[in-house]
Amino acid sequence: MSTAAKSLLVLTLLSTIAALFLPEDPIGSALLIISGSLFGLFLLALLAGRKIKFDPVLR
């Protein structure tokens, strides 16, 4: 896992925990939106960090 993916995972967890413990107001809703977008970026970082070997020869 790349360092970008690790940092995005930590940020996602922190924002999700903050959204769970804060009262339901506009800040809590914003934190849920932020945590969802950070999770999406985390998944993109995981996909970008993978080293996929492409074999162009089809057998």
C-alpha atoms as a PDB file:
ATOM      1  CA  MET A   1       0.000   0.000   0.000  1.00  0.00           C
ATOM      2  CA  SER A   2       1.418   3.367  -0.965  1.00  0.00           C
ATOM      3  CA  THR A   3       1.896   6.225   1.470  1.00  0.00           C
ATOM      4  CA  ALA A   4      -0.870   8.178  -0.242  1.00  0.00           C
ATOM      5  CA  ALA A   5      -3.276   5.293   0.277  1.00  0.00           C
ATOM      6  CA  LYS A   6      -2.253   4.961   3.930  1.00  0.00           C
ATOM      7  CA  SER A   7      -2.760   8.662   4.594  1.00  0.00           C
ATOM      8  CA  LEU A   8      -6.139   8.664   2.826  1.00  0.00           C
ATOM      9  CA  LEU A   9      -7.204   5.650   4.887  1.00  0.00           C
ATOM     10  CA  VAL A  10      -6.271   7.428   8.122  1.00  0.00           C
ATOM     11  CA  LEU A  11      -8.098  10.591   7.043  1.00  0.00           C
ATOM     12  CA  THR A  12     -11.164   8.550   6.102  1.00  0.00           C
ATOM     13  CA  LEU A  13     -11.216   6.816   9.474  1.00  0.00           C
ATOM     14  CA  LEU A  14     -10.756  10.081  11.375  1.00  0.00           C
ATOM     15  CA  SER A  15     -13.520  11.885   9.514  1.00  0.00           C
ATOM     16  CA  THR A  16     -15.891   8.927   9.919  1.00  0.00           C
ATOM     17  CA  ILE A  17     -15.231   8.752  13.657  1.00  0.00           C
ATOM     18  CA  ALA A  18     -15.727  12.516  13.960  1.00  0.00           C
ATOM     19  CA  ALA A  19     -19.000  12.282  12.019  1.00  0.00           C
ATOM     20  CA  LEU A  20     -20.248   9.547  14.333  1.00  0.00           C
ATOM     21  CA  PHE A  21     -19.454  11.404  17.544  1.00  0.00           C
ATOM     22  CA  LEU A  22     -20.523  14.916  16.541  1.00  0.00           C
ATOM     23  CA  PRO A  23     -24.191  15.854  16.825  1.00  0.00           C
ATOM     24  CA  GLU A  24     -26.292  15.730  13.662  1.00  0.00           C
ATOM     25  CA  ASP A  25     -26.011  19.227  12.228  1.00  0.00           C
ATOM     26  CA  PRO A  26     -24.575  20.647   8.999  1.00  0.00           C
ATOM     27  CA  ILE A  27     -21.037  19.897  10.195  1.00  0.00           C
ATOM     28  CA  GLY A  28     -21.902  16.232  10.734  1.00  0.00           C
ATOM     29  CA  SER A  29     -23.394  15.977   7.257  1.00  0.00           C
ATOM     30  CA  ALA A  30     -20.346  17.642   5.745  1.00  0.00           C
ATOM     31  CA  LEU A  31     -18.084  15.172   7.527  1.00  0.00           C
ATOM     32  CA  LEU A  32     -20.005  12.255   6.050  1.00  0.00           C
ATOM     33  CA  ILE A  33     -19.605  13.744   2.580  1.00  0.00           C
ATOM     34  CA  ILE A  34     -15.900  14.308   3.209  1.00  0.00           C
ATOM     35  CA  SER A  35     -15.399  10.773   4.494  1.00  0.00           C
ATOM     36  CA  GLY A  36     -17.162   9.329   1.450  1.00  0.00           C
ATOM     37  CA  SER A  37     -15.029  11.326  -0.945  1.00  0.00           C
ATOM     38  CA  LEU A  38     -11.842  10.414   0.938  1.00  0.00           C
ATOM     39  CA  PHE A  39     -12.820   6.753   0.728  1.00  0.00           C
ATOM     40  CA  GLY A  40     -13.245   7.097  -3.035  1.00  0.00           C
ATOM     41  CA  LEU A  41      -9.822   8.708  -3.287  1.00  0.00           C
ATOM     42  CA  PHE A  42      -8.409   5.904  -1.134  1.00  0.00           C
ATOM     43  CA  LEU A  43      -9.753   3.316  -3.565  1.00  0.00           C
ATOM     44  CA  LEU A  44      -8.275   5.238  -6.506  1.00  0.00           C
ATOM     45  CA  ALA A  45      -4.913   5.389  -4.722  1.00  0.00           C
ATOM     46  CA  LEU A  46      -5.047   1.636  -4.173  1.00  0.00           C
ATOM     47  CA  LEU A  47      -5.749   1.028  -7.843  1.00  0.00           C
ATOM     48  CA  ALA A  48      -3.036   3.437  -8.966  1.00  0.00           C
ATOM     49  CA  GLY A  49      -0.508   1.910  -6.587  1.00  0.00           C
ATOM     50  CA  ARG A  50      -0.977  -1.623  -7.829  1.00  0.00           C
ATOM     51  CA  LYS A  51       1.577  -2.913 -10.233  1.00  0.00           C
ATOM     52  CA  ILE A  52      -0.452  -4.754 -12.831  1.00  0.00           C
ATOM     53  CA  LYS A  53       1.514  -6.770 -15.318  1.00  0.00           C
ATOM     54  CA  PHE A  54      -0.077  -6.736 -18.743  1.00  0.00           C
ATOM     55  CA  ASP A  55       0.619  -9.637 -21.043  1.00  0.00           C
ATOM     56  CA  PRO A  56      -0.319  -8.575 -24.584  1.00  0.00           C
ATOM     57  CA  VAL A  57       0.115 -12.105 -25.961  1.00  0.00           C
ATOM     58  CA  LEU A  58      -3.250 -13.817 -25.913  1.00  0.00           C
ATOM     59  CA  ARG A  59      -2.959 -17.583 -25.999  1.00  0.00           C
END
